[in-house]
Amino acid sequence: EFIMNDMIEKIKEKLTPYQNKIFYYLINDYKPRETAKILGISSLNARKNYGYIRDKARKTLEYYNLEVK
C-alpha cells in the first residue's frame, strides 16, 4: 500500500491541478461520463484527459520499473 500511495503521489506531481481533479475520479473508478457531469465538462474532454493521465501514469510507472496492467 505504501508503494501504491507513493506512486500515486509521483503521478500527481506530473499533472496540473485540473488534471489532478480528474485523476481522483479516474483512480476511484468513475467513468469519464460521470466525471464530466460532476466537473461540468464535456464527455469528450473527460475522455481525452483520462487518456492523457493514463499515459502519464504508465510512463511514470515504467520509469520506476513497475509493471503496468
PDB file of N, CA and C in Angstrom:
ATOM      1  N   GLU A   1       0.829  -1.201   0.000  1.00  0.00           N
ATOM      2  CA  GLU A   1       0.000   0.000   0.000  1.00  0.00           C
ATOM      3  C   GLU A   1       0.866   1.255   0.000  1.00  0.00           C
ATOM      4  N   PHE A   2       1.978   1.225   0.736  1.00  0.00           N
ATOM      5  CA  PHE A   2       2.877   2.380   0.767  1.00  0.00           C
ATOM      6  C   PHE A   2       3.400   2.695  -0.628  1.00  0.00           C
ATOM      7  N   ILE A   3       3.815   1.663  -1.351  1.00  0.00           N
ATOM      8  CA  ILE A   3       4.339   1.859  -2.701  1.00  0.00           C
ATOM      9  C   ILE A   3       3.251   2.444  -3.593  1.00  0.00           C
ATOM     10  N   MET A   4       2.031   1.952  -3.469  1.00  0.00           N
ATOM     11  CA  MET A   4       0.941   2.460  -4.282  1.00  0.00           C
ATOM     12  C   MET A   4       0.690   3.937  -3.989  1.00  0.00           C
ATOM     13  N   ASN A   5       0.626   4.307  -2.728  1.00  0.00           N
ATOM     14  CA  ASN A   5       0.414   5.710  -2.362  1.00  0.00           C
ATOM     15  C   ASN A   5       1.563   6.583  -2.855  1.00  0.00           C
ATOM     16  N   ASP A   6       2.777   6.075  -2.760  1.00  0.00           N
ATOM     17  CA  ASP A   6       3.943   6.812  -3.232  1.00  0.00           C
ATOM     18  C   ASP A   6       3.872   7.017  -4.743  1.00  0.00           C
ATOM     19  N   MET A   7       3.459   5.999  -5.462  1.00  0.00           N
ATOM     20  CA  MET A   7       3.349   6.103  -6.912  1.00  0.00           C
ATOM     21  C   MET A   7       2.228   7.068  -7.309  1.00  0.00           C
ATOM     22  N   ILE A   8       1.136   7.049  -6.580  1.00  0.00           N
ATOM     23  CA  ILE A   8       0.053   7.998  -6.851  1.00  0.00           C
ATOM     24  C   ILE A   8       0.569   9.421  -6.692  1.00  0.00           C
ATOM     25  N   GLU A   9       1.357   9.660  -5.667  1.00  0.00           N
ATOM     26  CA  GLU A   9       1.928  10.998  -5.451  1.00  0.00           C
ATOM     27  C   GLU A   9       2.892  11.374  -6.578  1.00  0.00           C
ATOM     28  N   LYS A  10       3.691  10.418  -7.028  1.00  0.00           N
ATOM     29  CA  LYS A  10       4.625  10.683  -8.129  1.00  0.00           C
ATOM     30  C   LYS A  10       3.859  11.051  -9.398  1.00  0.00           C
ATOM     31  N   ILE A  11       2.776  10.351  -9.661  1.00  0.00           N
ATOM     32  CA  ILE A  11       1.958  10.639 -10.840  1.00  0.00           C
ATOM     33  C   ILE A  11       1.332  12.021 -10.705  1.00  0.00           C
ATOM     34  N   LYS A  12       0.789  12.325  -9.530  1.00  0.00           N
ATOM     35  CA  LYS A  12       0.135  13.614  -9.309  1.00  0.00           C
ATOM     36  C   LYS A  12       1.090  14.782  -9.510  1.00  0.00           C
ATOM     37  N   GLU A  13       2.368  14.579  -9.195  1.00  0.00           N
ATOM     38  CA  GLU A  13       3.363  15.632  -9.377  1.00  0.00           C
ATOM     39  C   GLU A  13       3.487  16.050 -10.842  1.00  0.00           C
ATOM     40  N   LYS A  14       3.185  15.128 -11.751  1.00  0.00           N
ATOM     41  CA  LYS A  14       3.339  15.389 -13.179  1.00  0.00           C
ATOM     42  C   LYS A  14       2.076  15.960 -13.820  1.00  0.00           C
ATOM     43  N   LEU A  15       1.030  16.141 -13.034  1.00  0.00           N
ATOM     44  CA  LEU A  15      -0.246  16.616 -13.559  1.00  0.00           C
ATOM     45  C   LEU A  15      -0.540  18.035 -13.096  1.00  0.00           C
ATOM     46  N   THR A  16      -1.364  18.714 -13.878  1.00  0.00           N
ATOM     47  CA  THR A  16      -1.817  20.043 -13.479  1.00  0.00           C
ATOM     48  C   THR A  16      -2.870  19.887 -12.379  1.00  0.00           C
ATOM     49  N   PRO A  17      -3.173  20.963 -11.656  1.00  0.00           N
ATOM     50  CA  PRO A  17      -4.230  20.870 -10.632  1.00  0.00           C
ATOM     51  C   PRO A  17      -5.564  20.391 -11.230  1.00  0.00           C
ATOM     52  N   TYR A  18      -5.901  20.849 -12.421  1.00  0.00           N
ATOM     53  CA  TYR A  18      -7.129  20.414 -13.096  1.00  0.00           C
ATOM     54  C   TYR A  18      -7.086  18.917 -13.372  1.00  0.00           C
ATOM     55  N   GLN A  19      -5.948  18.428 -13.876  1.00  0.00           N
ATOM     56  CA  GLN A  19      -5.802  17.002 -14.163  1.00  0.00           C
ATOM     57  C   GLN A  19      -5.801  16.183 -12.880  1.00  0.00           C
ATOM     58  N   ASN A  20      -5.336  16.753 -11.780  1.00  0.00           N
ATOM     59  CA  ASN A  20      -5.379  16.045 -10.502  1.00  0.00           C
ATOM     60  C   ASN A  20      -6.817  15.792 -10.060  1.00  0.00           C
ATOM     61  N   LYS A  21      -7.704  16.750 -10.332  1.00  0.00           N
ATOM     62  CA  LYS A  21      -9.124  16.532 -10.021  1.00  0.00           C
ATOM     63  C   LYS A  21      -9.655  15.342 -10.812  1.00  0.00           C
ATOM     64  N   ILE A  22      -9.331  15.314 -12.092  1.00  0.00           N
ATOM     65  CA  ILE A  22      -9.801  14.225 -12.955  1.00  0.00           C
ATOM     66  C   ILE A  22      -9.154  12.911 -12.529  1.00  0.00           C
ATOM     67  N   PHE A  23      -7.867  12.951 -12.155  1.00  0.00           N
ATOM     68  CA  PHE A  23      -7.154  11.760 -11.705  1.00  0.00           C
ATOM     69  C   PHE A  23      -7.835  11.144 -10.488  1.00  0.00           C
ATOM     70  N   TYR A  24      -8.323  11.969  -9.584  1.00  0.00           N
ATOM     71  CA  TYR A  24      -9.042  11.475  -8.411  1.00  0.00           C
ATOM     72  C   TYR A  24     -10.214  10.594  -8.834  1.00  0.00           C
ATOM     73  N   TYR A  25     -10.995  11.066  -9.783  1.00  0.00           N
ATOM     74  CA  TYR A  25     -12.147  10.297 -10.246  1.00  0.00           C
ATOM     75  C   TYR A  25     -11.713   9.057 -11.011  1.00  0.00           C
ATOM     76  N   LEU A  26     -10.635   9.164 -11.764  1.00  0.00           N
ATOM     77  CA  LEU A  26     -10.114   8.024 -12.517  1.00  0.00           C
ATOM     78  C   LEU A  26      -9.719   6.891 -11.579  1.00  0.00           C
ATOM     79  N   ILE A  27      -8.953   7.202 -10.532  1.00  0.00           N
ATOM     80  CA  ILE A  27      -8.486   6.134  -9.647  1.00  0.00           C
ATOM     81  C   ILE A  27      -9.593   5.615  -8.731  1.00  0.00           C
ATOM     82  N   ASN A  28     -10.691   6.345  -8.651  1.00  0.00           N
ATOM     83  CA  ASN A  28     -11.832   5.884  -7.864  1.00  0.00           C
ATOM     84  C   ASN A  28     -12.914   5.269  -8.745  1.00  0.00           C
ATOM     85  N   ASP A  29     -12.520   4.832  -9.932  1.00  0.00           N
ATOM     86  CA  ASP A  29     -13.362   4.064 -10.864  1.00  0.00           C
ATOM     87  C   ASP A  29     -14.595   4.793 -11.380  1.00  0.00           C
ATOM     88  N   TYR A  30     -14.519   6.098 -11.488  1.00  0.00           N
ATOM     89  CA  TYR A  30     -15.602   6.836 -12.133  1.00  0.00           C
ATOM     90  C   TYR A  30     -15.412   6.729 -13.641  1.00  0.00           C
ATOM     91  N   LYS A  31     -16.484   6.621 -14.349  1.00  0.00           N
ATOM     92  CA  LYS A  31     -16.439   6.614 -15.806  1.00  0.00           C
ATOM     93  C   LYS A  31     -16.263   8.062 -16.277  1.00  0.00           C
ATOM     94  N   PRO A  32     -15.652   8.255 -17.460  1.00  0.00           N
ATOM     95  CA  PRO A  32     -15.476   9.625 -17.964  1.00  0.00           C
ATOM     96  C   PRO A  32     -16.789  10.413 -18.007  1.00  0.00           C
ATOM     97  N   ARG A  33     -17.869   9.756 -18.356  1.00  0.00           N
ATOM     98  CA  ARG A  33     -19.182  10.415 -18.420  1.00  0.00           C
ATOM     99  C   ARG A  33     -19.586  10.950 -17.044  1.00  0.00           C
ATOM    100  N   GLU A  34     -19.333  10.161 -15.998  1.00  0.00           N
ATOM    101  CA  GLU A  34     -19.661  10.583 -14.633  1.00  0.00           C
ATOM    102  C   GLU A  34     -18.776  11.756 -14.204  1.00  0.00           C
ATOM    103  N   THR A  35     -17.502  11.669 -14.525  1.00  0.00           N
ATOM    104  CA  THR A  35     -16.573  12.746 -14.196  1.00  0.00           C
ATOM    105  C   THR A  35     -16.971  14.027 -14.905  1.00  0.00           C
ATOM    106  N   ALA A  36     -17.349  13.907 -16.165  1.00  0.00           N
ATOM    107  CA  ALA A  36     -17.759  15.072 -16.949  1.00  0.00           C
ATOM    108  C   ALA A  36     -18.956  15.762 -16.303  1.00  0.00           C
ATOM    109  N   LYS A  37     -19.902  14.966 -15.872  1.00  0.00           N
ATOM    110  CA  LYS A  37     -21.103  15.536 -15.252  1.00  0.00           C
ATOM    111  C   LYS A  37     -20.756  16.254 -13.944  1.00  0.00           C
ATOM    112  N   ILE A  38     -19.923  15.637 -13.126  1.00  0.00           N
ATOM    113  CA  ILE A  38     -19.536  16.213 -11.839  1.00  0.00           C
ATOM    114  C   ILE A  38     -18.777  17.526 -12.035  1.00  0.00           C
ATOM    115  N   LEU A  39     -17.844  17.550 -12.992  1.00  0.00           N
ATOM    116  CA  LEU A  39     -16.991  18.717 -13.192  1.00  0.00           C
ATOM    117  C   LEU A  39     -17.584  19.744 -14.152  1.00  0.00           C
ATOM    118  N   GLY A  40     -18.695  19.382 -14.792  1.00  0.00           N
ATOM    119  CA  GLY A  40     -19.320  20.311 -15.721  1.00  0.00           C
ATOM    120  C   GLY A  40     -18.531  20.507 -17.000  1.00  0.00           C
ATOM    121  N   ILE A  41     -17.916  19.426 -17.483  1.00  0.00           N
ATOM    122  CA  ILE A  41     -17.152  19.476 -18.726  1.00  0.00           C
ATOM    123  C   ILE A  41     -17.780  18.500 -19.713  1.00  0.00           C
ATOM    124  N   SER A  42     -17.317  18.535 -20.950  1.00  0.00           N
ATOM    125  CA  SER A  42     -17.855  17.617 -21.943  1.00  0.00           C
ATOM    126  C   SER A  42     -17.297  16.211 -21.725  1.00  0.00           C
ATOM    127  N   SER A  43     -18.040  15.218 -22.178  1.00  0.00           N
ATOM    128  CA  SER A  43     -17.569  13.830 -22.075  1.00  0.00           C
ATOM    129  C   SER A  43     -16.293  13.646 -22.884  1.00  0.00           C
ATOM    130  N   LEU A  44     -16.224  14.321 -24.022  1.00  0.00           N
ATOM    131  CA  LEU A  44     -15.027  14.226 -24.859  1.00  0.00           C
ATOM    132  C   LEU A  44     -13.808  14.764 -24.104  1.00  0.00           C
ATOM    133  N   ASN A  45     -13.961  15.885 -23.441  1.00  0.00           N
ATOM    134  CA  ASN A  45     -12.878  16.464 -22.647  1.00  0.00           C
ATOM    135  C   ASN A  45     -12.446  15.486 -21.558  1.00  0.00           C
ATOM    136  N   ALA A  46     -13.394  14.891 -20.880  1.00  0.00           N
ATOM    137  CA  ALA A  46     -13.071  13.927 -19.819  1.00  0.00           C
ATOM    138  C   ALA A  46     -12.339  12.716 -20.391  1.00  0.00           C
ATOM    139  N   ARG A  47     -12.816  12.182 -21.515  1.00  0.00           N
ATOM    140  CA  ARG A  47     -12.158  11.017 -22.124  1.00  0.00           C
ATOM    141  C   ARG A  47     -10.733  11.338 -22.551  1.00  0.00           C
ATOM    142  N   LYS A  48     -10.539  12.520 -23.141  1.00  0.00           N
ATOM    143  CA  LYS A  48      -9.190  12.918 -23.570  1.00  0.00           C
ATOM    144  C   LYS A  48      -8.267  13.028 -22.367  1.00  0.00           C
ATOM    145  N   ASN A  49      -8.758  13.626 -21.298  1.00  0.00           N
ATOM    146  CA  ASN A  49      -7.935  13.763 -20.097  1.00  0.00           C
ATOM    147  C   ASN A  49      -7.655  12.415 -19.447  1.00  0.00           C
ATOM    148  N   TYR A  50      -8.623  11.508 -19.460  1.00  0.00           N
ATOM    149  CA  TYR A  50      -8.387  10.162 -18.921  1.00  0.00           C
ATOM    150  C   TYR A  50      -7.239   9.506 -19.687  1.00  0.00           C
ATOM    151  N   GLY A  51      -7.272   9.615 -21.010  1.00  0.00           N
ATOM    152  CA  GLY A  51      -6.219   9.020 -21.831  1.00  0.00           C
ATOM    153  C   GLY A  51      -4.861   9.633 -21.547  1.00  0.00           C
ATOM    154  N   TYR A  52      -4.821  10.953 -21.458  1.00  0.00           N
ATOM    155  CA  TYR A  52      -3.570  11.656 -21.175  1.00  0.00           C
ATOM    156  C   TYR A  52      -3.022  11.248 -19.807  1.00  0.00           C
ATOM    157  N   ILE A  53      -3.889  11.195 -18.825  1.00  0.00           N
ATOM    158  CA  ILE A  53      -3.466  10.844 -17.466  1.00  0.00           C
ATOM    159  C   ILE A  53      -2.993   9.394 -17.402  1.00  0.00           C
ATOM    160  N   ARG A  54      -3.688   8.500 -18.082  1.00  0.00           N
ATOM    161  CA  ARG A  54      -3.247   7.094 -18.112  1.00  0.00           C
ATOM    162  C   ARG A  54      -1.858   6.979 -18.731  1.00  0.00           C
ATOM    163  N   ASP A  55      -1.628   7.741 -19.807  1.00  0.00           N
ATOM    164  CA  ASP A  55      -0.326   7.718 -20.461  1.00  0.00           C
ATOM    165  C   ASP A  55       0.761   8.230 -19.514  1.00  0.00           C
ATOM    166  N   LYS A  56       0.495   9.332 -18.811  1.00  0.00           N
ATOM    167  CA  LYS A  56       1.453   9.860 -17.838  1.00  0.00           C
ATOM    168  C   LYS A  56       1.717   8.843 -16.724  1.00  0.00           C
ATOM    169  N   ALA A  57       0.653   8.197 -16.261  1.00  0.00           N
ATOM    170  CA  ALA A  57       0.794   7.195 -15.196  1.00  0.00           C
ATOM    171  C   ALA A  57       1.636   6.022 -15.678  1.00  0.00           C
ATOM    172  N   ARG A  58       1.359   5.552 -16.879  1.00  0.00           N
ATOM    173  CA  ARG A  58       2.102   4.418 -17.440  1.00  0.00           C
ATOM    174  C   ARG A  58       3.589   4.768 -17.553  1.00  0.00           C
ATOM    175  N   LYS A  59       3.884   5.961 -18.065  1.00  0.00           N
ATOM    176  CA  LYS A  59       5.284   6.368 -18.213  1.00  0.00           C
ATOM    177  C   LYS A  59       5.969   6.508 -16.856  1.00  0.00           C
ATOM    178  N   THR A  60       5.257   7.013 -15.881  1.00  0.00           N
ATOM    179  CA  THR A  60       5.823   7.154 -14.539  1.00  0.00           C
ATOM    180  C   THR A  60       6.131   5.786 -13.941  1.00  0.00           C
ATOM    181  N   LEU A  61       5.196   4.865 -14.075  1.00  0.00           N
ATOM    182  CA  LEU A  61       5.417   3.522 -13.538  1.00  0.00           C
ATOM    183  C   LEU A  61       6.555   2.814 -14.261  1.00  0.00           C
ATOM    184  N   GLU A  62       6.635   2.984 -15.575  1.00  0.00           N
ATOM    185  CA  GLU A  62       7.734   2.381 -16.333  1.00  0.00           C
ATOM    186  C   GLU A  62       9.075   2.967 -15.901  1.00  0.00           C
ATOM    187  N   TYR A  63       9.104   4.259 -15.629  1.00  0.00           N
ATOM    188  CA  TYR A  63      10.334   4.916 -15.178  1.00  0.00           C
ATOM    189  C   TYR A  63      10.832   4.275 -13.885  1.00  0.00           C
ATOM    190  N   TYR A  64       9.911   3.911 -13.005  1.00  0.00           N
ATOM    191  CA  TYR A  64      10.279   3.281 -11.735  1.00  0.00           C
ATOM    192  C   TYR A  64      10.298   1.750 -11.838  1.00  0.00           C
ATOM    193  N   ASN A  65      10.267   1.251 -13.070  1.00  0.00           N
ATOM    194  CA  ASN A  65      10.340  -0.188 -13.339  1.00  0.00           C
ATOM    195  C   ASN A  65       9.252  -0.994 -12.652  1.00  0.00           C
ATOM    196  N   LEU A  66       8.048  -0.457 -12.616  1.00  0.00           N
ATOM    197  CA  LEU A  66       6.920  -1.180 -12.053  1.00  0.00           C
ATOM    198  C   LEU A  66       6.049  -1.679 -13.200  1.00  0.00           C
ATOM    199  N   GLU A  67       5.453  -2.835 -13.011  1.00  0.00           N
ATOM    200  CA  GLU A  67       4.625  -3.439 -14.047  1.00  0.00           C
ATOM    201  C   GLU A  67       3.329  -2.669 -14.216  1.00  0.00           C
ATOM    202  N   VAL A  68       2.952  -2.476 -15.466  1.00  0.00           N
ATOM    203  CA  VAL A  68       1.720  -1.769 -15.795  1.00  0.00           C
ATOM    204  C   VAL A  68       0.694  -2.775 -16.261  1.00  0.00           C
ATOM    205  N   LYS A  69      -0.498  -2.727 -15.661  1.00  0.00           N
ATOM    206  CA  LYS A  69      -1.569  -3.657 -16.065  1.00  0.00           C
ATOM    207  C   LYS A  69      -2.398  -3.037 -17.156  1.00  0.00           C
TER     208      LYS A  69
END
